[in-house]
Amino acid sequence: NKTAEQHFRYAVLFNPQFADTYPEYLRYLLAVKKHTELFELAEKALAVPGVSAVMIHTVCGNAKEQCGLFREAIVYYELAARIATDEYEYSDLLSDIKRVKQKAEKENAVNYIFQ
């Protein structure tokens, strides 16, 4: 929805230190597969006090996974897991890592067959 995206842009433009905007905007960009913008915003968000670095790295991992860049996704999930302090969040990240490693292995197997 262009209107929602415009509201997110204005929110960041007019109050870039308001941490609550970033998680929803990043998830929106992920949902509409605007990965370039997502990574640009994620970089800015990391400098904003109160924005969860775990959330940022997780969303970036999700974006890399959507693109089929499994090894890069794993790097982001591992970064998030390293700094996660919530037991459930940490457990979810370990599941993400396991899932993406399985995808990477399957991709390697398929590539091997077709070589």
C-alpha atoms as a PDB file:
ATOM      1  CA  ASN A   1       0.000   0.000   0.000  1.00  0.00           C
ATOM      2  CA  LYS A   2       1.614   3.236  -1.171  1.00  0.00           C
ATOM      3  CA  THR A   3      -0.183   5.268   1.489  1.00  0.00           C
ATOM      4  CA  ALA A   4       1.233   3.148   4.311  1.00  0.00           C
ATOM      5  CA  GLU A   5       4.701   3.361   2.839  1.00  0.00           C
ATOM      6  CA  GLN A   6       4.418   7.138   2.534  1.00  0.00           C
ATOM      7  CA  HIS A   7       3.359   7.395   6.192  1.00  0.00           C
ATOM      8  CA  PHE A   8       6.370   5.328   7.250  1.00  0.00           C
ATOM      9  CA  ARG A   9       8.683   7.527   5.181  1.00  0.00           C
ATOM     10  CA  TYR A  10       7.261  10.687   6.735  1.00  0.00           C
ATOM     11  CA  ALA A  11       7.518   9.218  10.222  1.00  0.00           C
ATOM     12  CA  VAL A  12      11.226   8.513   9.730  1.00  0.00           C
ATOM     13  CA  LEU A  13      11.819  11.823   7.956  1.00  0.00           C
ATOM     14  CA  PHE A  14      10.142  14.016  10.560  1.00  0.00           C
ATOM     15  CA  ASN A  15      11.150  12.067  13.670  1.00  0.00           C
ATOM     16  CA  PRO A  16      14.129   9.841  12.851  1.00  0.00           C
ATOM     17  CA  GLN A  17      14.852   9.161  16.535  1.00  0.00           C
ATOM     18  CA  PHE A  18      11.402   7.664  17.191  1.00  0.00           C
ATOM     19  CA  ALA A  19      12.331   4.011  17.628  1.00  0.00           C
ATOM     20  CA  ASP A  20       8.821   2.572  17.341  1.00  0.00           C
ATOM     21  CA  THR A  21       8.560   3.377  13.635  1.00  0.00           C
ATOM     22  CA  TYR A  22      11.452   1.198  12.521  1.00  0.00           C
ATOM     23  CA  PRO A  23      10.235  -2.347  13.337  1.00  0.00           C
ATOM     24  CA  GLU A  24       6.938  -1.884  11.497  1.00  0.00           C
ATOM     25  CA  TYR A  25       8.522  -0.089   8.552  1.00  0.00           C
ATOM     26  CA  LEU A  26      11.185  -2.798   8.206  1.00  0.00           C
ATOM     27  CA  ARG A  27       8.551  -5.540   8.335  1.00  0.00           C
ATOM     28  CA  TYR A  28       6.484  -3.668   5.753  1.00  0.00           C
ATOM     29  CA  LEU A  29       9.462  -3.433   3.396  1.00  0.00           C
ATOM     30  CA  LEU A  30      10.100  -7.154   3.912  1.00  0.00           C
ATOM     31  CA  ALA A  31       6.463  -7.985   3.110  1.00  0.00           C
ATOM     32  CA  VAL A  32       6.541  -6.007  -0.143  1.00  0.00           C
ATOM     33  CA  LYS A  33      10.026  -7.326  -0.965  1.00  0.00           C
ATOM     34  CA  LYS A  34      11.727  -3.942  -1.146  1.00  0.00           C
ATOM     35  CA  HIS A  35      15.026  -5.372   0.008  1.00  0.00           C
ATOM     36  CA  THR A  36      17.325  -2.549  -1.080  1.00  0.00           C
ATOM     37  CA  GLU A  37      15.301  -0.021   0.904  1.00  0.00           C
ATOM     38  CA  LEU A  38      15.060  -2.454   3.810  1.00  0.00           C
ATOM     39  CA  PHE A  39      18.848  -2.714   4.140  1.00  0.00           C
ATOM     40  CA  GLU A  40      19.276   1.053   3.858  1.00  0.00           C
ATOM     41  CA  LEU A  41      16.702   1.613   6.584  1.00  0.00           C
ATOM     42  CA  ALA A  42      18.182  -1.155   8.747  1.00  0.00           C
ATOM     43  CA  GLU A  43      21.558   0.574   8.681  1.00  0.00           C
ATOM     44  CA  LYS A  44      19.968   3.830   9.857  1.00  0.00           C
ATOM     45  CA  ALA A  45      17.865   2.049  12.466  1.00  0.00           C
ATOM     46  CA  LEU A  46      20.918   0.483  14.101  1.00  0.00           C
ATOM     47  CA  ALA A  47      22.016   3.985  15.133  1.00  0.00           C
ATOM     48  CA  VAL A  48      18.683   4.849  16.778  1.00  0.00           C
ATOM     49  CA  PRO A  49      18.522   4.306  20.537  1.00  0.00           C
ATOM     50  CA  GLY A  50      15.737   1.935  21.511  1.00  0.00           C
ATOM     51  CA  VAL A  51      15.569   0.022  18.239  1.00  0.00           C
ATOM     52  CA  SER A  52      16.253  -3.667  18.783  1.00  0.00           C
ATOM     53  CA  ALA A  53      19.385  -4.798  16.969  1.00  0.00           C
ATOM     54  CA  VAL A  54      18.113  -8.367  17.324  1.00  0.00           C
ATOM     55  CA  MET A  55      14.968  -7.425  15.402  1.00  0.00           C
ATOM     56  CA  ILE A  56      16.962  -5.596  12.726  1.00  0.00           C
ATOM     57  CA  HIS A  57      19.340  -8.509  12.121  1.00  0.00           C
ATOM     58  CA  THR A  58      16.427 -10.943  12.100  1.00  0.00           C
ATOM     59  CA  VAL A  59      14.502  -8.960   9.474  1.00  0.00           C
ATOM     60  CA  CYS A  60      17.665  -8.644   7.384  1.00  0.00           C
ATOM     61  CA  GLY A  61      18.085 -12.422   7.661  1.00  0.00           C
ATOM     62  CA  ASN A  62      14.482 -12.848   6.537  1.00  0.00           C
ATOM     63  CA  ALA A  63      15.165 -10.646   3.501  1.00  0.00           C
ATOM     64  CA  LYS A  64      18.281 -12.594   2.528  1.00  0.00           C
ATOM     65  CA  GLU A  65      16.349 -15.830   2.966  1.00  0.00           C
ATOM     66  CA  GLN A  66      13.549 -14.523   0.701  1.00  0.00           C
ATOM     67  CA  CYS A  67      16.194 -13.840  -1.948  1.00  0.00           C
ATOM     68  CA  GLY A  68      17.617 -17.351  -1.630  1.00  0.00           C
ATOM     69  CA  LEU A  69      20.873 -16.013  -0.202  1.00  0.00           C
ATOM     70  CA  PHE A  70      20.966 -18.609   2.527  1.00  0.00           C
ATOM     71  CA  ARG A  71      24.547 -18.208   3.732  1.00  0.00           C
ATOM     72  CA  GLU A  72      24.052 -14.450   4.114  1.00  0.00           C
ATOM     73  CA  ALA A  73      20.777 -15.086   5.950  1.00  0.00           C
ATOM     74  CA  ILE A  74      22.590 -17.367   8.388  1.00  0.00           C
ATOM     75  CA  VAL A  75      25.136 -14.620   9.109  1.00  0.00           C
ATOM     76  CA  TYR A  76      22.344 -12.214  10.055  1.00  0.00           C
ATOM     77  CA  TYR A  77      20.534 -14.799  12.184  1.00  0.00           C
ATOM     78  CA  GLU A  78      23.782 -15.648  13.975  1.00  0.00           C
ATOM     79  CA  LEU A  79      24.427 -11.944  14.647  1.00  0.00           C
ATOM     80  CA  ALA A  80      20.954 -11.655  16.142  1.00  0.00           C
ATOM     81  CA  ALA A  81      21.378 -14.813  18.227  1.00  0.00           C
ATOM     82  CA  ARG A  82      24.692 -13.565  19.606  1.00  0.00           C
ATOM     83  CA  ILE A  83      23.056 -10.518  21.144  1.00  0.00           C
ATOM     84  CA  ALA A  84      19.612 -11.942  21.972  1.00  0.00           C
ATOM     85  CA  THR A  85      18.820 -11.925  25.687  1.00  0.00           C
ATOM     86  CA  ASP A  86      15.285 -13.289  25.522  1.00  0.00           C
ATOM     87  CA  GLU A  87      15.128 -17.078  25.750  1.00  0.00           C
ATOM     88  CA  TYR A  88      12.258 -17.405  23.258  1.00  0.00           C
ATOM     89  CA  GLU A  89      13.809 -15.012  20.774  1.00  0.00           C
ATOM     90  CA  TYR A  90      17.095 -16.918  21.006  1.00  0.00           C
ATOM     91  CA  SER A  91      15.318 -20.228  20.496  1.00  0.00           C
ATOM     92  CA  ASP A  92      13.489 -18.862  17.437  1.00  0.00           C
ATOM     93  CA  LEU A  93      16.782 -17.685  15.970  1.00  0.00           C
ATOM     94  CA  LEU A  94      18.368 -21.106  16.450  1.00  0.00           C
ATOM     95  CA  SER A  95      15.374 -22.563  14.594  1.00  0.00           C
ATOM     96  CA  ASP A  96      15.842 -20.008  11.824  1.00  0.00           C
ATOM     97  CA  ILE A  97      19.515 -20.945  11.501  1.00  0.00           C
ATOM     98  CA  LYS A  98      18.714 -24.664  11.393  1.00  0.00           C
ATOM     99  CA  ARG A  99      15.979 -24.157   8.769  1.00  0.00           C
ATOM    100  CA  VAL A 100      18.167 -22.028   6.517  1.00  0.00           C
ATOM    101  CA  LYS A 101      21.120 -24.420   6.809  1.00  0.00           C
ATOM    102  CA  GLN A 102      18.815 -27.183   5.594  1.00  0.00           C
ATOM    103  CA  LYS A 103      17.740 -25.011   2.657  1.00  0.00           C
ATOM    104  CA  ALA A 104      21.388 -24.282   1.821  1.00  0.00           C
ATOM    105  CA  GLU A 105      22.239 -27.991   1.929  1.00  0.00           C
ATOM    106  CA  LYS A 106      19.325 -28.817  -0.374  1.00  0.00           C
ATOM    107  CA  GLU A 107      20.402 -26.073  -2.755  1.00  0.00           C
ATOM    108  CA  ASN A 108      23.965 -27.441  -2.792  1.00  0.00           C
ATOM    109  CA  ALA A 109      22.649 -30.950  -3.505  1.00  0.00           C
ATOM    110  CA  VAL A 110      20.525 -29.671  -6.396  1.00  0.00           C
ATOM    111  CA  ASN A 111      23.447 -27.678  -7.818  1.00  0.00           C
ATOM    112  CA  TYR A 112      25.666 -30.753  -7.604  1.00  0.00           C
ATOM    113  CA  ILE A 113      23.140 -32.872  -9.517  1.00  0.00           C
ATOM    114  CA  PHE A 114      22.897 -30.352 -12.354  1.00  0.00           C
ATOM    115  CA  GLN A 115      26.640 -29.801 -12.749  1.00  0.00           C
END
